[in-house]
Amino acid sequence: MSSYPPASPAAPSLPSPASGGGKGGGGPIGPPTSFKIPVLRYMNTYGLTHEQLAMVSVVQREWAAKNPRATFRQPITVEDVLNSRMIAYPFRLLQCCLVTAGGGASTRKLPYSHCMWSGETRRSG
């Protein structure tokens, strides 16, 4: 018994939208949906308002304006944040971070670590 359409063994397997489209962190699983429950609990416990939460984005944008390499440097207001598109309640578009690769780092463990302030040399490992 054959099925229609016939299965093609060479057909690539496509990632589902729920998995973020294969890019990790997109789709319905990502920072806006991961942080919403703790933020909603914080808002409920401490009485944080949507306006106060929007101020975080406003202040962060003020700091970004001081960095000439920032992607967005134009100032925003609390009203701008509250009028932006809803992403995952209580987060709106202007409360979400851009996906960038600016914070990558690598660490290495060396056989000796040097204590800069005392001149000591210690063996690590």
PDB file of N, CA and C in Angstrom:
ATOM      1  N   MET A   1       0.852  -1.173   0.000  1.00  0.00           N
ATOM      2  CA  MET A   1       0.000   0.000   0.000  1.00  0.00           C
ATOM      3  C   MET A   1       0.895   1.232   0.000  1.00  0.00           C
ATOM      4  N   SER A   2       0.731   2.095  -0.977  1.00  0.00           N
ATOM      5  CA  SER A   2       1.565   3.287  -1.074  1.00  0.00           C
ATOM      6  C   SER A   2       0.778   4.501  -0.608  1.00  0.00           C
ATOM      7  N   SER A   3       1.501   5.485  -0.178  1.00  0.00           N
ATOM      8  CA  SER A   3       0.856   6.717   0.272  1.00  0.00           C
ATOM      9  C   SER A   3       1.081   7.795  -0.775  1.00  0.00           C
ATOM     10  N   TYR A   4       0.200   8.752  -0.813  1.00  0.00           N
ATOM     11  CA  TYR A   4       0.349   9.854  -1.741  1.00  0.00           C
ATOM     12  C   TYR A   4       0.459  11.139  -0.948  1.00  0.00           C
ATOM     13  N   PRO A   5       1.364  12.015  -1.193  1.00  0.00           N
ATOM     14  CA  PRO A   5       2.403  11.926  -2.193  1.00  0.00           C
ATOM     15  C   PRO A   5       3.517  10.996  -1.742  1.00  0.00           C
ATOM     16  N   PRO A   6       4.252  10.434  -2.675  1.00  0.00           N
ATOM     17  CA  PRO A   6       5.324   9.527  -2.284  1.00  0.00           C
ATOM     18  C   PRO A   6       6.411  10.264  -1.517  1.00  0.00           C
ATOM     19  N   ALA A   7       6.951   9.605  -0.523  1.00  0.00           N
ATOM     20  CA  ALA A   7       8.015  10.204   0.292  1.00  0.00           C
ATOM     21  C   ALA A   7       9.295  10.262  -0.521  1.00  0.00           C
ATOM     22  N   SER A   8       9.981  11.354  -0.460  1.00  0.00           N
ATOM     23  CA  SER A   8      11.239  11.508  -1.169  1.00  0.00           C
ATOM     24  C   SER A   8      12.371  11.386  -0.167  1.00  0.00           C
ATOM     25  N   PRO A   9      13.263  10.404  -0.349  1.00  0.00           N
ATOM     26  CA  PRO A   9      14.342  10.248   0.620  1.00  0.00           C
ATOM     27  C   PRO A   9      15.328  11.403   0.597  1.00  0.00           C
ATOM     28  N   ALA A  10      15.364  12.168  -0.492  1.00  0.00           N
ATOM     29  CA  ALA A  10      16.317  13.268  -0.590  1.00  0.00           C
ATOM     30  C   ALA A  10      15.735  14.591  -0.103  1.00  0.00           C
ATOM     31  N   ALA A  11      14.458  14.605   0.290  1.00  0.00           N
ATOM     32  CA  ALA A  11      13.828  15.852   0.721  1.00  0.00           C
ATOM     33  C   ALA A  11      14.439  16.313   2.036  1.00  0.00           C
ATOM     34  N   PRO A  12      14.845  17.581   2.101  1.00  0.00           N
ATOM     35  CA  PRO A  12      15.438  18.080   3.341  1.00  0.00           C
ATOM     36  C   PRO A  12      14.389  18.210   4.430  1.00  0.00           C
ATOM     37  N   SER A  13      14.824  18.027   5.641  1.00  0.00           N
ATOM     38  CA  SER A  13      13.930  18.191   6.777  1.00  0.00           C
ATOM     39  C   SER A  13      13.972  19.653   7.182  1.00  0.00           C
ATOM     40  N   LEU A  14      12.825  20.290   7.183  1.00  0.00           N
ATOM     41  CA  LEU A  14      12.748  21.705   7.523  1.00  0.00           C
ATOM     42  C   LEU A  14      12.417  21.864   8.999  1.00  0.00           C
ATOM     43  N   PRO A  15      13.048  22.831   9.652  1.00  0.00           N
ATOM     44  CA  PRO A  15      12.727  23.055  11.063  1.00  0.00           C
ATOM     45  C   PRO A  15      11.331  23.634  11.200  1.00  0.00           C
ATOM     46  N   SER A  16      10.673  23.285  12.271  1.00  0.00           N
ATOM     47  CA  SER A  16       9.320  23.790  12.498  1.00  0.00           C
ATOM     48  C   SER A  16       9.386  25.220  13.018  1.00  0.00           C
ATOM     49  N   PRO A  17       8.338  26.021  12.779  1.00  0.00           N
ATOM     50  CA  PRO A  17       8.327  27.375  13.308  1.00  0.00           C
ATOM     51  C   PRO A  17       8.434  27.409  14.826  1.00  0.00           C
ATOM     52  N   ALA A  18       7.914  26.375  15.497  1.00  0.00           N
ATOM     53  CA  ALA A  18       7.966  26.339  16.957  1.00  0.00           C
ATOM     54  C   ALA A  18       9.384  26.194  17.471  1.00  0.00           C
ATOM     55  N   SER A  19      10.293  25.687  16.634  1.00  0.00           N
ATOM     56  CA  SER A  19      11.667  25.522  17.082  1.00  0.00           C
ATOM     57  C   SER A  19      12.506  26.752  16.783  1.00  0.00           C
ATOM     58  N   GLY A  20      11.873  27.821  16.312  1.00  0.00           N
ATOM     59  CA  GLY A  20      12.603  29.037  16.032  1.00  0.00           C
ATOM     60  C   GLY A  20      13.142  29.067  14.625  1.00  0.00           C
ATOM     61  N   GLY A  21      12.644  28.206  13.765  1.00  0.00           N
ATOM     62  CA  GLY A  21      13.081  28.210  12.384  1.00  0.00           C
ATOM     63  C   GLY A  21      14.512  27.762  12.216  1.00  0.00           C
ATOM     64  N   GLY A  22      15.031  27.021  13.173  1.00  0.00           N
ATOM     65  CA  GLY A  22      16.393  26.525  13.072  1.00  0.00           C
ATOM     66  C   GLY A  22      17.440  27.520  13.503  1.00  0.00           C
ATOM     67  N   LYS A  23      17.040  28.702  13.965  1.00  0.00           N
ATOM     68  CA  LYS A  23      18.006  29.721  14.352  1.00  0.00           C
ATOM     69  C   LYS A  23      18.172  29.816  15.854  1.00  0.00           C
ATOM     70  N   GLY A  24      17.418  29.080  16.607  1.00  0.00           N
ATOM     71  CA  GLY A  24      17.546  29.089  18.060  1.00  0.00           C
ATOM     72  C   GLY A  24      17.122  30.399  18.670  1.00  0.00           C
ATOM     73  N   GLY A  25      16.114  30.386  19.482  1.00  0.00           N
ATOM     74  CA  GLY A  25      15.699  31.582  20.197  1.00  0.00           C
ATOM     75  C   GLY A  25      14.563  32.333  19.534  1.00  0.00           C
ATOM     76  N   GLY A  26      14.152  31.957  18.326  1.00  0.00           N
ATOM     77  CA  GLY A  26      13.058  32.645  17.668  1.00  0.00           C
ATOM     78  C   GLY A  26      11.758  31.908  17.906  1.00  0.00           C
ATOM     79  N   GLY A  27      10.765  32.255  17.149  1.00  0.00           N
ATOM     80  CA  GLY A  27       9.474  31.587  17.282  1.00  0.00           C
ATOM     81  C   GLY A  27       8.854  31.828  18.643  1.00  0.00           C
ATOM     82  N   PRO A  28       7.984  30.936  19.080  1.00  0.00           N
ATOM     83  CA  PRO A  28       7.309  31.153  20.349  1.00  0.00           C
ATOM     84  C   PRO A  28       8.183  30.871  21.566  1.00  0.00           C
ATOM     85  N   ILE A  29       9.401  30.389  21.360  1.00  0.00           N
ATOM     86  CA  ILE A  29      10.292  30.118  22.482  1.00  0.00           C
ATOM     87  C   ILE A  29      11.492  31.046  22.358  1.00  0.00           C
ATOM     88  N   GLY A  30      11.671  31.923  23.306  1.00  0.00           N
ATOM     89  CA  GLY A  30      12.769  32.871  23.281  1.00  0.00           C
ATOM     90  C   GLY A  30      12.697  33.773  24.489  1.00  0.00           C
ATOM     91  N   PRO A  31      13.566  34.775  24.561  1.00  0.00           N
ATOM     92  CA  PRO A  31      13.584  35.653  25.736  1.00  0.00           C
ATOM     93  C   PRO A  31      12.249  36.308  26.074  1.00  0.00           C
ATOM     94  N   PRO A  32      11.490  36.870  25.110  1.00  0.00           N
ATOM     95  CA  PRO A  32      10.230  37.497  25.524  1.00  0.00           C
ATOM     96  C   PRO A  32       9.260  36.522  26.185  1.00  0.00           C
ATOM     97  N   THR A  33       9.227  35.279  25.732  1.00  0.00           N
ATOM     98  CA  THR A  33       8.312  34.326  26.345  1.00  0.00           C
ATOM     99  C   THR A  33       8.922  33.657  27.565  1.00  0.00           C
ATOM    100  N   SER A  34      10.234  33.599  27.641  1.00  0.00           N
ATOM    101  CA  SER A  34      10.888  32.978  28.794  1.00  0.00           C
ATOM    102  C   SER A  34      10.827  33.862  30.035  1.00  0.00           C
ATOM    103  N   PHE A  35      10.863  35.177  29.842  1.00  0.00           N
ATOM    104  CA  PHE A  35      10.909  36.098  30.969  1.00  0.00           C
ATOM    105  C   PHE A  35       9.545  36.627  31.385  1.00  0.00           C
ATOM    106  N   LYS A  36       8.497  36.317  30.633  1.00  0.00           N
ATOM    107  CA  LYS A  36       7.208  36.931  30.936  1.00  0.00           C
ATOM    108  C   LYS A  36       6.629  36.491  32.266  1.00  0.00           C
ATOM    109  N   ILE A  37       6.725  35.213  32.621  1.00  0.00           N
ATOM    110  CA  ILE A  37       6.135  34.736  33.876  1.00  0.00           C
ATOM    111  C   ILE A  37       6.832  35.351  35.091  1.00  0.00           C
ATOM    112  N   PRO A  38       8.191  35.334  35.147  1.00  0.00           N
ATOM    113  CA  PRO A  38       8.826  35.991  36.304  1.00  0.00           C
ATOM    114  C   PRO A  38       8.532  37.493  36.377  1.00  0.00           C
ATOM    115  N   VAL A  39       8.458  38.157  35.233  1.00  0.00           N
ATOM    116  CA  VAL A  39       8.172  39.595  35.244  1.00  0.00           C
ATOM    117  C   VAL A  39       6.734  39.847  35.695  1.00  0.00           C
ATOM    118  N   LEU A  40       5.800  39.037  35.220  1.00  0.00           N
ATOM    119  CA  LEU A  40       4.412  39.199  35.667  1.00  0.00           C
ATOM    120  C   LEU A  40       4.284  38.954  37.165  1.00  0.00           C
ATOM    121  N   ARG A  41       5.019  37.989  37.682  1.00  0.00           N
ATOM    122  CA  ARG A  41       4.987  37.741  39.124  1.00  0.00           C
ATOM    123  C   ARG A  41       5.566  38.930  39.885  1.00  0.00           C
ATOM    124  N   TYR A  42       6.691  39.474  39.380  1.00  0.00           N
ATOM    125  CA  TYR A  42       7.308  40.645  40.006  1.00  0.00           C
ATOM    126  C   TYR A  42       6.324  41.819  39.991  1.00  0.00           C
ATOM    127  N   MET A  43       5.669  42.027  38.851  1.00  0.00           N
ATOM    128  CA  MET A  43       4.700  43.119  38.754  1.00  0.00           C
ATOM    129  C   MET A  43       3.577  42.939  39.770  1.00  0.00           C
ATOM    130  N   ASN A  44       3.092  41.721  39.916  1.00  0.00           N
ATOM    131  CA  ASN A  44       2.011  41.431  40.851  1.00  0.00           C
ATOM    132  C   ASN A  44       2.461  41.578  42.301  1.00  0.00           C
ATOM    133  N   THR A  45       3.657  41.075  42.614  1.00  0.00           N
ATOM    134  CA  THR A  45       4.157  41.102  43.992  1.00  0.00           C
ATOM    135  C   THR A  45       4.486  42.512  44.460  1.00  0.00           C
ATOM    136  N   TYR A  46       5.163  43.295  43.602  1.00  0.00           N
ATOM    137  CA  TYR A  46       5.674  44.602  44.017  1.00  0.00           C
ATOM    138  C   TYR A  46       4.890  45.781  43.453  1.00  0.00           C
ATOM    139  N   GLY A  47       3.850  45.518  42.667  1.00  0.00           N
ATOM    140  CA  GLY A  47       3.025  46.604  42.148  1.00  0.00           C
ATOM    141  C   GLY A  47       3.672  47.396  41.023  1.00  0.00           C
ATOM    142  N   LEU A  48       4.588  46.787  40.289  1.00  0.00           N
ATOM    143  CA  LEU A  48       5.237  47.455  39.166  1.00  0.00           C
ATOM    144  C   LEU A  48       4.213  47.707  38.069  1.00  0.00           C
ATOM    145  N   THR A  49       4.153  48.924  37.556  1.00  0.00           N
ATOM    146  CA  THR A  49       3.191  49.266  36.509  1.00  0.00           C
ATOM    147  C   THR A  49       3.833  49.095  35.132  1.00  0.00           C
ATOM    148  N   HIS A  50       2.990  49.084  34.116  1.00  0.00           N
ATOM    149  CA  HIS A  50       3.495  48.987  32.737  1.00  0.00           C
ATOM    150  C   HIS A  50       4.332  50.213  32.384  1.00  0.00           C
ATOM    151  N   GLU A  51       3.969  51.373  32.919  1.00  0.00           N
ATOM    152  CA  GLU A  51       4.733  52.593  32.670  1.00  0.00           C
ATOM    153  C   GLU A  51       6.134  52.484  33.282  1.00  0.00           C
ATOM    154  N   GLN A  52       6.215  51.945  34.502  1.00  0.00           N
ATOM    155  CA  GLN A  52       7.520  51.780  35.138  1.00  0.00           C
ATOM    156  C   GLN A  52       8.374  50.761  34.377  1.00  0.00           C
ATOM    157  N   LEU A  53       7.763  49.698  33.905  1.00  0.00           N
ATOM    158  CA  LEU A  53       8.488  48.703  33.110  1.00  0.00           C
ATOM    159  C   LEU A  53       8.961  49.313  31.795  1.00  0.00           C
ATOM    160  N   ALA A  54       8.164  50.178  31.195  1.00  0.00           N
ATOM    161  CA  ALA A  54       8.545  50.847  29.950  1.00  0.00           C
ATOM    162  C   ALA A  54       9.722  51.790  30.164  1.00  0.00           C
ATOM    163  N   MET A  55       9.844  52.349  31.369  1.00  0.00           N
ATOM    164  CA  MET A  55      10.961  53.254  31.668  1.00  0.00           C
ATOM    165  C   MET A  55      12.313  52.553  31.530  1.00  0.00           C
ATOM    166  N   VAL A  56      12.354  51.238  31.745  1.00  0.00           N
ATOM    167  CA  VAL A  56      13.606  50.493  31.580  1.00  0.00           C
ATOM    168  C   VAL A  56      14.109  50.653  30.149  1.00  0.00           C
ATOM    169  N   SER A  57      13.222  50.507  29.173  1.00  0.00           N
ATOM    170  CA  SER A  57      13.606  50.651  27.768  1.00  0.00           C
ATOM    171  C   SER A  57      14.015  52.082  27.446  1.00  0.00           C
ATOM    172  N   VAL A  58      13.312  53.052  28.017  1.00  0.00           N
ATOM    173  CA  VAL A  58      13.628  54.453  27.770  1.00  0.00           C
ATOM    174  C   VAL A  58      15.030  54.777  28.280  1.00  0.00           C
ATOM    175  N   VAL A  59      15.333  54.342  29.494  1.00  0.00           N
ATOM    176  CA  VAL A  59      16.647  54.620  30.083  1.00  0.00           C
ATOM    177  C   VAL A  59      17.762  53.868  29.337  1.00  0.00           C
ATOM    178  N   GLN A  60      17.483  52.624  28.932  1.00  0.00           N
ATOM    179  CA  GLN A  60      18.487  51.876  28.171  1.00  0.00           C
ATOM    180  C   GLN A  60      18.782  52.561  26.845  1.00  0.00           C
ATOM    181  N   ARG A  61      17.761  53.122  26.209  1.00  0.00           N
ATOM    182  CA  ARG A  61      17.973  53.839  24.948  1.00  0.00           C
ATOM    183  C   ARG A  61      18.783  55.110  25.171  1.00  0.00           C
ATOM    184  N   GLU A  62      18.584  55.767  26.332  1.00  0.00           N
ATOM    185  CA  GLU A  62      19.405  56.946  26.656  1.00  0.00           C
ATOM    186  C   GLU A  62      20.871  56.558  26.750  1.00  0.00           C
ATOM    187  N   TRP A  63      21.160  55.409  27.364  1.00  0.00           N
ATOM    188  CA  TRP A  63      22.541  54.936  27.451  1.00  0.00           C
ATOM    189  C   TRP A  63      23.072  54.554  26.075  1.00  0.00           C
ATOM    190  N   ALA A  64      22.238  53.957  25.244  1.00  0.00           N
ATOM    191  CA  ALA A  64      22.661  53.581  23.892  1.00  0.00           C
ATOM    192  C   ALA A  64      23.010  54.816  23.076  1.00  0.00           C
ATOM    193  N   ALA A  65      22.332  55.932  23.322  1.00  0.00           N
ATOM    194  CA  ALA A  65      22.612  57.162  22.581  1.00  0.00           C
ATOM    195  C   ALA A  65      24.038  57.656  22.805  1.00  0.00           C
ATOM    196  N   LYS A  66      24.652  57.256  23.903  1.00  0.00           N
ATOM    197  CA  LYS A  66      26.025  57.661  24.204  1.00  0.00           C
ATOM    198  C   LYS A  66      27.061  56.796  23.482  1.00  0.00           C
ATOM    199  N   ASN A  67      26.612  55.695  22.877  1.00  0.00           N
ATOM    200  CA  ASN A  67      27.520  54.780  22.189  1.00  0.00           C
ATOM    201  C   ASN A  67      27.392  54.998  20.677  1.00  0.00           C
ATOM    202  N   PRO A  68      28.451  55.488  20.017  1.00  0.00           N
ATOM    203  CA  PRO A  68      28.350  55.750  18.578  1.00  0.00           C
ATOM    204  C   PRO A  68      28.167  54.483  17.740  1.00  0.00           C
ATOM    205  N   ARG A  69      28.443  53.311  18.302  1.00  0.00           N
ATOM    206  CA  ARG A  69      28.287  52.060  17.560  1.00  0.00           C
ATOM    207  C   ARG A  69      26.958  51.362  17.831  1.00  0.00           C
ATOM    208  N   ALA A  70      26.094  51.969  18.622  1.00  0.00           N
ATOM    209  CA  ALA A  70      24.792  51.364  18.933  1.00  0.00           C
ATOM    210  C   ALA A  70      23.913  51.339  17.688  1.00  0.00           C
ATOM    211  N   THR A  71      23.095  50.306  17.576  1.00  0.00           N
ATOM    212  CA  THR A  71      22.200  50.185  16.422  1.00  0.00           C
ATOM    213  C   THR A  71      21.112  51.246  16.457  1.00  0.00           C
ATOM    214  N   PHE A  72      20.481  51.444  17.612  1.00  0.00           N
ATOM    215  CA  PHE A  72      19.442  52.455  17.757  1.00  0.00           C
ATOM    216  C   PHE A  72      19.891  53.462  18.804  1.00  0.00           C
ATOM    217  N   ARG A  73      19.994  54.744  18.382  1.00  0.00           N
ATOM    218  CA  ARG A  73      20.425  55.784  19.311  1.00  0.00           C
ATOM    219  C   ARG A  73      19.387  56.886  19.474  1.00  0.00           C
ATOM    220  N   GLN A  74      18.336  56.877  18.663  1.00  0.00           N
ATOM    221  CA  GLN A  74      17.334  57.923  18.779  1.00  0.00           C
ATOM    222  C   GLN A  74      16.532  57.713  20.064  1.00  0.00           C
ATOM    223  N   PRO A  75      16.216  58.785  20.785  1.00  0.00           N
ATOM    224  CA  PRO A  75      15.487  58.643  22.057  1.00  0.00           C
ATOM    225  C   PRO A  75      14.056  58.152  21.834  1.00  0.00           C
ATOM    226  N   ILE A  76      13.534  57.467  22.836  1.00  0.00           N
ATOM    227  CA  ILE A  76      12.141  57.021  22.832  1.00  0.00           C
ATOM    228  C   ILE A  76      11.495  57.469  24.133  1.00  0.00           C
ATOM    229  N   THR A  77      10.185  57.496  24.146  1.00  0.00           N
ATOM    230  CA  THR A  77       9.437  57.886  25.340  1.00  0.00           C
ATOM    231  C   THR A  77       8.650  56.685  25.864  1.00  0.00           C
ATOM    232  N   VAL A  78       8.117  56.852  27.060  1.00  0.00           N
ATOM    233  CA  VAL A  78       7.278  55.801  27.639  1.00  0.00           C
ATOM    234  C   VAL A  78       6.069  55.556  26.726  1.00  0.00           C
ATOM    235  N   GLU A  79       5.513  56.619  26.152  1.00  0.00           N
ATOM    236  CA  GLU A  79       4.372  56.470  25.247  1.00  0.00           C
ATOM    237  C   GLU A  79       4.756  55.668  24.005  1.00  0.00           C
ATOM    238  N   ASP A  80       5.966  55.906  23.479  1.00  0.00           N
ATOM    239  CA  ASP A  80       6.436  55.132  22.321  1.00  0.00           C
ATOM    240  C   ASP A  80       6.467  53.646  22.654  1.00  0.00           C
ATOM    241  N   VAL A  81       6.984  53.328  23.832  1.00  0.00           N
ATOM    242  CA  VAL A  81       7.087  51.927  24.246  1.00  0.00           C
ATOM    243  C   VAL A  81       5.695  51.324  24.404  1.00  0.00           C
ATOM    244  N   LEU A  82       4.809  52.028  25.096  1.00  0.00           N
ATOM    245  CA  LEU A  82       3.467  51.497  25.358  1.00  0.00           C
ATOM    246  C   LEU A  82       2.608  51.410  24.094  1.00  0.00           C
ATOM    247  N   ASN A  83       2.939  52.187  23.066  1.00  0.00           N
ATOM    248  CA  ASN A  83       2.188  52.142  21.809  1.00  0.00           C
ATOM    249  C   ASN A  83       2.811  51.199  20.779  1.00  0.00           C
ATOM    250  N   SER A  84       3.952  50.597  21.108  1.00  0.00           N
ATOM    251  CA  SER A  84       4.573  49.655  20.166  1.00  0.00           C
ATOM    252  C   SER A  84       3.827  48.325  20.201  1.00  0.00           C
ATOM    253  N   ARG A  85       4.062  47.524  19.185  1.00  0.00           N
ATOM    254  CA  ARG A  85       3.346  46.248  18.998  1.00  0.00           C
ATOM    255  C   ARG A  85       3.619  45.284  20.154  1.00  0.00           C
ATOM    256  N   MET A  86       2.569  44.603  20.614  1.00  0.00           N
ATOM    257  CA  MET A  86       2.699  43.594  21.676  1.00  0.00           C
ATOM    258  C   MET A  86       3.420  42.369  21.109  1.00  0.00           C
ATOM    259  N   ILE A  87       4.431  41.883  21.832  1.00  0.00           N
ATOM    260  CA  ILE A  87       5.172  40.686  21.414  1.00  0.00           C
ATOM    261  C   ILE A  87       4.728  39.490  22.256  1.00  0.00           C
ATOM    262  N   ALA A  88       4.890  39.585  23.558  1.00  0.00           N
ATOM    263  CA  ALA A  88       4.445  38.551  24.495  1.00  0.00           C
ATOM    264  C   ALA A  88       4.123  39.287  25.793  1.00  0.00           C
ATOM    265  N   TYR A  89       2.860  39.340  26.144  1.00  0.00           N
ATOM    266  CA  TYR A  89       2.436  40.119  27.303  1.00  0.00           C
ATOM    267  C   TYR A  89       3.302  39.811  28.513  1.00  0.00           C
ATOM    268  N   PRO A  90       3.857  40.819  29.172  1.00  0.00           N
ATOM    269  CA  PRO A  90       3.668  42.253  29.086  1.00  0.00           C
ATOM    270  C   PRO A  90       4.684  42.970  28.197  1.00  0.00           C
ATOM    271  N   PHE A  91       5.454  42.244  27.404  1.00  0.00           N
ATOM    272  CA  PHE A  91       6.521  42.861  26.612  1.00  0.00           C
ATOM    273  C   PHE A  91       6.035  43.336  25.254  1.00  0.00           C
ATOM    274  N   ARG A  92       6.454  44.537  24.923  1.00  0.00           N
ATOM    275  CA  ARG A  92       6.150  45.130  23.624  1.00  0.00           C
ATOM    276  C   ARG A  92       7.438  45.194  22.806  1.00  0.00           C
ATOM    277  N   LEU A  93       7.301  45.548  21.539  1.00  0.00           N
ATOM    278  CA  LEU A  93       8.440  45.519  20.621  1.00  0.00           C
ATOM    279  C   LEU A  93       9.636  46.318  21.135  1.00  0.00           C
ATOM    280  N   LEU A  94       9.399  47.521  21.645  1.00  0.00           N
ATOM    281  CA  LEU A  94      10.510  48.361  22.104  1.00  0.00           C
ATOM    282  C   LEU A  94      11.077  47.904  23.451  1.00  0.00           C
ATOM    283  N   GLN A  95      10.542  46.843  24.024  1.00  0.00           N
ATOM    284  CA  GLN A  95      11.094  46.286  25.254  1.00  0.00           C
ATOM    285  C   GLN A  95      11.912  45.032  24.983  1.00  0.00           C
ATOM    286  N   CYS A  96      12.014  44.640  23.729  1.00  0.00           N
ATOM    287  CA  CYS A  96      12.754  43.430  23.368  1.00  0.00           C
ATOM    288  C   CYS A  96      14.127  43.789  22.803  1.00  0.00           C
ATOM    289  N   CYS A  97      15.111  42.949  23.085  1.00  0.00           N
ATOM    290  CA  CYS A  97      16.474  43.169  22.612  1.00  0.00           C
ATOM    291  C   CYS A  97      16.617  42.736  21.163  1.00  0.00           C
ATOM    292  N   LEU A  98      17.511  43.401  20.471  1.00  0.00           N
ATOM    293  CA  LEU A  98      17.873  42.979  19.128  1.00  0.00           C
ATOM    294  C   LEU A  98      18.714  41.718  19.217  1.00  0.00           C
ATOM    295  N   VAL A  99      18.638  40.882  18.212  1.00  0.00           N
ATOM    296  CA  VAL A  99      19.517  39.724  18.150  1.00  0.00           C
ATOM    297  C   VAL A  99      20.798  40.184  17.466  1.00  0.00           C
ATOM    298  N   THR A 100      21.872  40.267  18.218  1.00  0.00           N
ATOM    299  CA  THR A 100      23.159  40.691  17.671  1.00  0.00           C
ATOM    300  C   THR A 100      24.244  39.749  18.162  1.00  0.00           C
ATOM    301  N   ALA A 101      25.403  39.850  17.563  1.00  0.00           N
ATOM    302  CA  ALA A 101      26.521  39.000  17.955  1.00  0.00           C
ATOM    303  C   ALA A 101      27.634  39.845  18.561  1.00  0.00           C
ATOM    304  N   GLY A 102      27.268  40.871  19.296  1.00  0.00           N
ATOM    305  CA  GLY A 102      28.274  41.773  19.828  1.00  0.00           C
ATOM    306  C   GLY A 102      28.842  41.381  21.179  1.00  0.00           C
ATOM    307  N   GLY A 103      28.307  40.349  21.817  1.00  0.00           N
ATOM    308  CA  GLY A 103      28.751  40.039  23.170  1.00  0.00           C
ATOM    309  C   GLY A 103      29.442  38.705  23.308  1.00  0.00           C
ATOM    310  N   GLY A 104      29.938  38.151  22.225  1.00  0.00           N
ATOM    311  CA  GLY A 104      30.598  36.856  22.316  1.00  0.00           C
ATOM    312  C   GLY A 104      31.948  36.958  23.012  1.00  0.00           C
ATOM    313  N   ALA A 105      32.327  35.911  23.716  1.00  0.00           N
ATOM    314  CA  ALA A 105      33.620  35.895  24.402  1.00  0.00           C
ATOM    315  C   ALA A 105      34.115  34.465  24.500  1.00  0.00           C
ATOM    316  N   SER A 106      35.394  34.336  24.742  1.00  0.00           N
ATOM    317  CA  SER A 106      35.998  33.024  24.911  1.00  0.00           C
ATOM    318  C   SER A 106      36.936  33.091  26.108  1.00  0.00           C
ATOM    319  N   THR A 107      36.985  32.030  26.883  1.00  0.00           N
ATOM    320  CA  THR A 107      37.904  31.988  28.017  1.00  0.00           C
ATOM    321  C   THR A 107      38.843  30.805  27.854  1.00  0.00           C
ATOM    322  N   ARG A 108      40.024  30.956  28.415  1.00  0.00           N
ATOM    323  CA  ARG A 108      41.009  29.877  28.375  1.00  0.00           C
ATOM    324  C   ARG A 108      41.566  29.693  29.766  1.00  0.00           C
ATOM    325  N   LYS A 109      41.838  28.461  30.126  1.00  0.00           N
ATOM    326  CA  LYS A 109      42.461  28.181  31.411  1.00  0.00           C
ATOM    327  C   LYS A 109      43.940  27.964  31.154  1.00  0.00           C
ATOM    328  N   LEU A 110      44.756  28.779  31.786  1.00  0.00           N
ATOM    329  CA  LEU A 110      46.198  28.671  31.641  1.00  0.00           C
ATOM    330  C   LEU A 110      46.774  27.891  32.820  1.00  0.00           C
ATOM    331  N   PRO A 111      47.924  27.266  32.658  1.00  0.00           N
ATOM    332  CA  PRO A 111      48.486  26.489  33.758  1.00  0.00           C
ATOM    333  C   PRO A 111      48.868  27.338  34.965  1.00  0.00           C
ATOM    334  N   TYR A 112      49.224  28.572  34.772  1.00  0.00           N
ATOM    335  CA  TYR A 112      49.574  29.464  35.868  1.00  0.00           C
ATOM    336  C   TYR A 112      48.716  30.711  35.781  1.00  0.00           C
ATOM    337  N   SER A 113      48.194  31.151  36.908  1.00  0.00           N
ATOM    338  CA  SER A 113      47.480  32.427  36.916  1.00  0.00           C
ATOM    339  C   SER A 113      48.321  33.404  37.724  1.00  0.00           C
ATOM    340  N   HIS A 114      48.428  34.599  37.222  1.00  0.00           N
ATOM    341  CA  HIS A 114      49.244  35.626  37.873  1.00  0.00           C
ATOM    342  C   HIS A 114      48.351  36.592  38.612  1.00  0.00           C
ATOM    343  N   CYS A 115      48.650  36.800  39.852  1.00  0.00           N
ATOM    344  CA  CYS A 115      47.907  37.739  40.675  1.00  0.00           C
ATOM    345  C   CYS A 115      48.509  39.121  40.427  1.00  0.00           C
ATOM    346  N   MET A 116      47.790  39.982  39.706  1.00  0.00           N
ATOM    347  CA  MET A 116      48.360  41.258  39.264  1.00  0.00           C
ATOM    348  C   MET A 116      48.635  42.215  40.410  1.00  0.00           C
ATOM    349  N   TRP A 117      47.813  42.203  41.452  1.00  0.00           N
ATOM    350  CA  TRP A 117      47.977  43.209  42.493  1.00  0.00           C
ATOM    351  C   TRP A 117      49.038  42.852  43.522  1.00  0.00           C
ATOM    352  N   SER A 118      49.455  41.595  43.652  1.00  0.00           N
ATOM    353  CA  SER A 118      50.457  41.266  44.672  1.00  0.00           C
ATOM    354  C   SER A 118      51.730  40.689  44.058  1.00  0.00           C
ATOM    355  N   GLY A 119      51.745  40.418  42.784  1.00  0.00           N
ATOM    356  CA  GLY A 119      52.931  39.859  42.144  1.00  0.00           C
ATOM    357  C   GLY A 119      53.099  38.360  42.388  1.00  0.00           C
ATOM    358  N   GLU A 120      52.114  37.723  43.048  1.00  0.00           N
ATOM    359  CA  GLU A 120      52.224  36.288  43.314  1.00  0.00           C
ATOM    360  C   GLU A 120      51.937  35.479  42.060  1.00  0.00           C
ATOM    361  N   THR A 121      52.481  34.290  41.993  1.00  0.00           N
ATOM    362  CA  THR A 121      52.151  33.367  40.938  1.00  0.00           C
ATOM    363  C   THR A 121      51.559  32.125  41.597  1.00  0.00           C
ATOM    364  N   ARG A 122      50.378  31.743  41.162  1.00  0.00           N
ATOM    365  CA  ARG A 122      49.720  30.588  41.759  1.00  0.00           C
ATOM    366  C   ARG A 122      49.500  29.525  40.710  1.00  0.00           C
ATOM    367  N   ARG A 123      49.604  28.296  41.130  1.00  0.00           N
ATOM    368  CA  ARG A 123      49.351  27.162  40.252  1.00  0.00           C
ATOM    369  C   ARG A 123      47.861  26.895  40.253  1.00  0.00           C
ATOM    370  N   SER A 124      47.242  26.846  39.068  1.00  0.00           N
ATOM    371  CA  SER A 124      45.822  26.516  38.990  1.00  0.00           C
ATOM    372  C   SER A 124      45.688  25.167  38.310  1.00  0.00           C
ATOM    373  N   GLY A 125      44.980  24.281  38.938  1.00  0.00           N
ATOM    374  CA  GLY A 125      44.748  22.972  38.320  1.00  0.00           C
ATOM    375  C   GLY A 125      45.672  21.998  38.824  1.00  0.00           C
TER     376      GLY A 125
END
